[in-house]
Amino acid sequence: MQAWNAWCELSLQTARLGWEAQNVIALRLMRIAAQRPGSRTEARRMVTEKVAALAEAQSAAATAVIKGGKTHRVAKKVLGVYKKRVRANRRRLTKT
């Protein structure tokens, strides 16, 4: 039963992260659409950050698996990588 609760909690965290990611996407698109200086830099940054996040998430997952983590804990480690990056982007994009 405890594993079920862990998956439910992980599902809620994933949904919350999805909402936050959509907000970051909207902020980025507004910045790019405004065609202000730095728009191209933002577009490039968006792509390179995704590649770096994927590599970090794969590393976190592999480390968790090697340490014998259960599947929901491995998934939580991966989610943590993306959560950290999405929140950092939101902070950066909302600065005036």
N, C-alpha and C. Protein backbone atom coordinates (compact mmCIF):
# COMPACT_ATOMS: atom_id res chain seq x y z
N MET A 1 0.82 -1.20 0.00
CA MET A 1 0.00 0.00 0.00
C MET A 1 0.86 1.25 0.00
N GLN A 2 2.03 1.19 0.64
CA GLN A 2 2.89 2.38 0.72
C GLN A 2 3.40 2.78 -0.66
N ALA A 3 3.72 1.81 -1.51
CA ALA A 3 4.18 2.12 -2.86
C ALA A 3 3.09 2.83 -3.64
N TRP A 4 1.84 2.45 -3.42
CA TRP A 4 0.71 3.10 -4.08
C TRP A 4 0.67 4.58 -3.70
N ASN A 5 0.83 4.88 -2.41
CA ASN A 5 0.83 6.27 -1.95
C ASN A 5 1.99 7.05 -2.56
N ALA A 6 3.14 6.40 -2.68
CA ALA A 6 4.30 7.06 -3.27
C ALA A 6 4.04 7.42 -4.73
N TRP A 7 3.38 6.51 -5.46
CA TRP A 7 3.06 6.82 -6.86
C TRP A 7 2.01 7.91 -6.96
N CYS A 8 1.05 7.93 -6.05
CA CYS A 8 0.04 9.00 -6.05
C CYS A 8 0.70 10.35 -5.79
N GLU A 9 1.58 10.40 -4.82
CA GLU A 9 2.30 11.63 -4.51
C GLU A 9 3.14 12.08 -5.70
N LEU A 10 3.81 11.13 -6.33
CA LEU A 10 4.63 11.44 -7.50
C LEU A 10 3.76 11.96 -8.65
N SER A 11 2.58 11.41 -8.81
CA SER A 11 1.66 11.87 -9.86
C SER A 11 1.25 13.32 -9.62
N LEU A 12 0.96 13.66 -8.39
CA LEU A 12 0.59 15.04 -8.07
C LEU A 12 1.76 15.99 -8.30
N GLN A 13 2.95 15.58 -7.91
CA GLN A 13 4.14 16.41 -8.14
C GLN A 13 4.39 16.60 -9.63
N THR A 14 4.16 15.57 -10.40
CA THR A 14 4.36 15.64 -11.85
C THR A 14 3.35 16.60 -12.48
N ALA A 15 2.11 16.53 -12.04
CA ALA A 15 1.09 17.44 -12.56
C ALA A 15 1.44 18.89 -12.22
N ARG A 16 1.91 19.12 -11.00
CA ARG A 16 2.30 20.47 -10.59
C ARG A 16 3.48 20.96 -11.44
N LEU A 17 4.44 20.09 -11.67
CA LEU A 17 5.58 20.46 -12.50
C LEU A 17 5.13 20.77 -13.93
N GLY A 18 4.20 20.01 -14.43
CA GLY A 18 3.66 20.28 -15.77
C GLY A 18 3.05 21.66 -15.87
N TRP A 19 2.32 22.05 -14.85
CA TRP A 19 1.71 23.38 -14.80
C TRP A 19 2.80 24.46 -14.77
N GLU A 20 3.81 24.27 -13.94
CA GLU A 20 4.90 25.24 -13.84
C GLU A 20 5.67 25.32 -15.16
N ALA A 21 5.87 24.18 -15.82
CA ALA A 21 6.58 24.17 -17.10
C ALA A 21 5.79 24.94 -18.16
N GLN A 22 4.47 24.80 -18.15
CA GLN A 22 3.64 25.55 -19.10
C GLN A 22 3.79 27.05 -18.88
N ASN A 23 3.88 27.47 -17.63
CA ASN A 23 4.08 28.88 -17.33
C ASN A 23 5.42 29.37 -17.86
N VAL A 24 6.46 28.56 -17.69
CA VAL A 24 7.78 28.93 -18.20
C VAL A 24 7.76 29.01 -19.72
N ILE A 25 7.08 28.09 -20.35
CA ILE A 25 6.97 28.12 -21.82
C ILE A 25 6.29 29.42 -22.26
N ALA A 26 5.23 29.81 -21.58
CA ALA A 26 4.53 31.05 -21.93
C ALA A 26 5.44 32.26 -21.74
N LEU A 27 6.18 32.29 -20.64
CA LEU A 27 7.11 33.40 -20.40
C LEU A 27 8.18 33.47 -21.49
N ARG A 28 8.69 32.33 -21.86
CA ARG A 28 9.72 32.31 -22.90
C ARG A 28 9.16 32.75 -24.24
N LEU A 29 7.99 32.26 -24.59
CA LEU A 29 7.40 32.63 -25.87
C LEU A 29 7.10 34.13 -25.94
N MET A 30 6.65 34.70 -24.84
CA MET A 30 6.41 36.15 -24.81
C MET A 30 7.72 36.90 -25.03
N ARG A 31 8.77 36.43 -24.41
CA ARG A 31 10.08 37.08 -24.54
C ARG A 31 10.59 36.96 -25.98
N ILE A 32 10.43 35.80 -26.58
CA ILE A 32 10.89 35.60 -27.95
C ILE A 32 10.02 36.39 -28.93
N ALA A 33 8.72 36.38 -28.72
CA ALA A 33 7.81 37.08 -29.62
C ALA A 33 8.00 38.59 -29.58
N ALA A 34 8.44 39.12 -28.48
CA ALA A 34 8.67 40.57 -28.36
C ALA A 34 9.86 41.01 -29.21
N GLN A 35 10.67 40.08 -29.65
CA GLN A 35 11.84 40.34 -30.49
C GLN A 35 12.75 41.42 -29.92
N ARG A 36 12.89 41.39 -28.64
CA ARG A 36 13.82 42.30 -27.98
C ARG A 36 15.22 41.72 -28.10
N PRO A 37 16.22 42.55 -27.80
CA PRO A 37 17.58 41.99 -27.79
C PRO A 37 17.63 40.81 -26.81
N GLY A 38 18.24 39.76 -27.23
CA GLY A 38 18.33 38.57 -26.38
C GLY A 38 17.32 37.49 -26.74
N SER A 39 16.42 37.78 -27.69
CA SER A 39 15.41 36.78 -28.08
C SER A 39 16.06 35.54 -28.68
N ARG A 40 17.05 35.76 -29.53
CA ARG A 40 17.73 34.62 -30.14
C ARG A 40 18.51 33.84 -29.09
N THR A 41 19.11 34.56 -28.18
CA THR A 41 19.85 33.90 -27.10
C THR A 41 18.91 33.02 -26.28
N GLU A 42 17.72 33.54 -26.00
CA GLU A 42 16.73 32.76 -25.24
C GLU A 42 16.33 31.51 -25.99
N ALA A 43 16.14 31.62 -27.29
CA ALA A 43 15.76 30.45 -28.10
C ALA A 43 16.87 29.40 -28.07
N ARG A 44 18.12 29.84 -28.21
CA ARG A 44 19.24 28.90 -28.15
C ARG A 44 19.37 28.28 -26.77
N ARG A 45 19.19 29.11 -25.77
CA ARG A 45 19.30 28.64 -24.39
C ARG A 45 18.26 27.56 -24.10
N MET A 46 17.06 27.75 -24.64
CA MET A 46 15.98 26.81 -24.42
C MET A 46 16.39 25.41 -24.90
N VAL A 47 17.02 25.35 -26.06
CA VAL A 47 17.41 24.05 -26.63
C VAL A 47 18.57 23.44 -25.83
N THR A 48 19.60 24.23 -25.56
CA THR A 48 20.75 23.68 -24.85
C THR A 48 20.39 23.25 -23.43
N GLU A 49 19.47 23.97 -22.79
CA GLU A 49 19.04 23.58 -21.44
C GLU A 49 18.32 22.25 -21.45
N LYS A 50 17.54 22.01 -22.49
CA LYS A 50 16.81 20.74 -22.57
C LYS A 50 17.77 19.56 -22.70
N VAL A 51 18.80 19.72 -23.51
CA VAL A 51 19.79 18.66 -23.69
C VAL A 51 20.53 18.41 -22.37
N ALA A 52 20.92 19.50 -21.70
CA ALA A 52 21.63 19.37 -20.42
C ALA A 52 20.73 18.73 -19.36
N ALA A 53 19.44 19.12 -19.34
CA ALA A 53 18.51 18.55 -18.36
C ALA A 53 18.33 17.05 -18.59
N LEU A 54 18.24 16.65 -19.84
CA LEU A 54 18.10 15.23 -20.16
C LEU A 54 19.31 14.45 -19.67
N ALA A 55 20.50 14.97 -19.94
CA ALA A 55 21.72 14.29 -19.49
C ALA A 55 21.76 14.18 -17.97
N GLU A 56 21.39 15.26 -17.29
CA GLU A 56 21.38 15.24 -15.82
C GLU A 56 20.34 14.26 -15.29
N ALA A 57 19.17 14.22 -15.93
CA ALA A 57 18.11 13.30 -15.50
C ALA A 57 18.53 11.84 -15.71
N GLN A 58 19.17 11.56 -16.82
CA GLN A 58 19.65 10.20 -17.08
C GLN A 58 20.69 9.79 -16.05
N SER A 59 21.56 10.70 -15.72
CA SER A 59 22.58 10.42 -14.72
C SER A 59 21.96 10.16 -13.35
N ALA A 60 20.98 10.99 -12.99
CA ALA A 60 20.29 10.82 -11.71
C ALA A 60 19.56 9.48 -11.65
N ALA A 61 18.91 9.12 -12.76
CA ALA A 61 18.20 7.84 -12.81
C ALA A 61 19.17 6.66 -12.70
N ALA A 62 20.25 6.73 -13.45
CA ALA A 62 21.23 5.64 -13.42
C ALA A 62 21.82 5.48 -12.02
N THR A 63 22.15 6.60 -11.39
CA THR A 63 22.70 6.54 -10.04
C THR A 63 21.71 5.93 -9.07
N ALA A 64 20.44 6.35 -9.17
CA ALA A 64 19.40 5.81 -8.27
C ALA A 64 19.21 4.31 -8.49
N VAL A 65 19.26 3.87 -9.73
CA VAL A 65 19.08 2.44 -10.03
C VAL A 65 20.27 1.64 -9.49
N ILE A 66 21.46 2.16 -9.69
CA ILE A 66 22.67 1.47 -9.22
C ILE A 66 22.64 1.32 -7.69
N LYS A 67 22.10 2.33 -7.03
CA LYS A 67 22.01 2.28 -5.56
C LYS A 67 20.86 1.40 -5.08
N GLY A 68 20.13 0.81 -6.02
CA GLY A 68 19.06 -0.11 -5.64
C GLY A 68 17.74 0.56 -5.35
N GLY A 69 17.53 1.74 -5.88
CA GLY A 69 16.29 2.46 -5.63
C GLY A 69 15.09 1.80 -6.26
N LYS A 70 13.96 1.91 -5.59
CA LYS A 70 12.72 1.39 -6.15
C LYS A 70 12.27 2.30 -7.29
N THR A 71 11.40 1.80 -8.13
CA THR A 71 11.05 2.54 -9.35
C THR A 71 10.47 3.92 -9.05
N HIS A 72 9.63 4.05 -8.03
CA HIS A 72 9.05 5.36 -7.75
C HIS A 72 10.10 6.34 -7.22
N ARG A 73 11.13 5.82 -6.57
CA ARG A 73 12.21 6.69 -6.08
C ARG A 73 13.11 7.14 -7.23
N VAL A 74 13.31 6.26 -8.18
CA VAL A 74 14.08 6.63 -9.37
C VAL A 74 13.33 7.72 -10.13
N ALA A 75 12.03 7.53 -10.29
CA ALA A 75 11.21 8.53 -10.99
C ALA A 75 11.23 9.86 -10.24
N LYS A 76 11.21 9.81 -8.92
CA LYS A 76 11.23 11.04 -8.12
C LYS A 76 12.55 11.79 -8.30
N LYS A 77 13.66 11.06 -8.43
CA LYS A 77 14.96 11.70 -8.67
C LYS A 77 14.95 12.43 -10.01
N VAL A 78 14.41 11.78 -11.02
CA VAL A 78 14.33 12.40 -12.35
C VAL A 78 13.43 13.63 -12.30
N LEU A 79 12.31 13.52 -11.64
CA LEU A 79 11.41 14.66 -11.50
C LEU A 79 12.09 15.82 -10.79
N GLY A 80 12.90 15.51 -9.81
CA GLY A 80 13.62 16.54 -9.07
C GLY A 80 14.55 17.35 -9.96
N VAL A 81 15.18 16.69 -10.91
CA VAL A 81 16.08 17.38 -11.85
C VAL A 81 15.28 18.41 -12.65
N TYR A 82 14.15 17.99 -13.20
CA TYR A 82 13.36 18.89 -14.03
C TYR A 82 12.71 19.99 -13.18
N LYS A 83 12.30 19.65 -11.98
CA LYS A 83 11.70 20.65 -11.10
C LYS A 83 12.69 21.77 -10.80
N LYS A 84 13.92 21.40 -10.49
CA LYS A 84 14.96 22.39 -10.19
C LYS A 84 15.18 23.32 -11.38
N ARG A 85 15.24 22.77 -12.56
CA ARG A 85 15.50 23.57 -13.75
C ARG A 85 14.31 24.45 -14.13
N VAL A 86 13.11 23.93 -14.01
CA VAL A 86 11.92 24.73 -14.33
C VAL A 86 11.79 25.90 -13.37
N ARG A 87 11.99 25.65 -12.11
CA ARG A 87 11.89 26.74 -11.12
C ARG A 87 12.98 27.79 -11.32
N ALA A 88 14.18 27.36 -11.68
CA ALA A 88 15.26 28.33 -11.94
C ALA A 88 14.91 29.20 -13.14
N ASN A 89 14.34 28.59 -14.17
CA ASN A 89 13.94 29.36 -15.34
C ASN A 89 12.82 30.34 -15.01
N ARG A 90 11.87 29.90 -14.22
CA ARG A 90 10.77 30.80 -13.84
C ARG A 90 11.30 32.00 -13.08
N ARG A 91 12.22 31.76 -12.14
CA ARG A 91 12.82 32.88 -11.39
C ARG A 91 13.55 33.84 -12.33
N ARG A 92 14.31 33.27 -13.24
CA ARG A 92 15.08 34.11 -14.16
C ARG A 92 14.18 34.91 -15.09
N LEU A 93 13.12 34.26 -15.61
CA LEU A 93 12.25 34.91 -16.59
C LEU A 93 11.29 35.93 -15.95
N THR A 94 11.05 35.83 -14.67
CA THR A 94 10.13 36.78 -14.03
C THR A 94 10.84 37.97 -13.41
N LYS A 95 12.17 37.97 -13.47
CA LYS A 95 12.90 39.14 -12.97
C LYS A 95 12.63 40.31 -13.90
N THR A 96 12.52 41.49 -13.30
CA THR A 96 12.25 42.68 -14.14
C THR A 96 13.52 43.37 -14.55
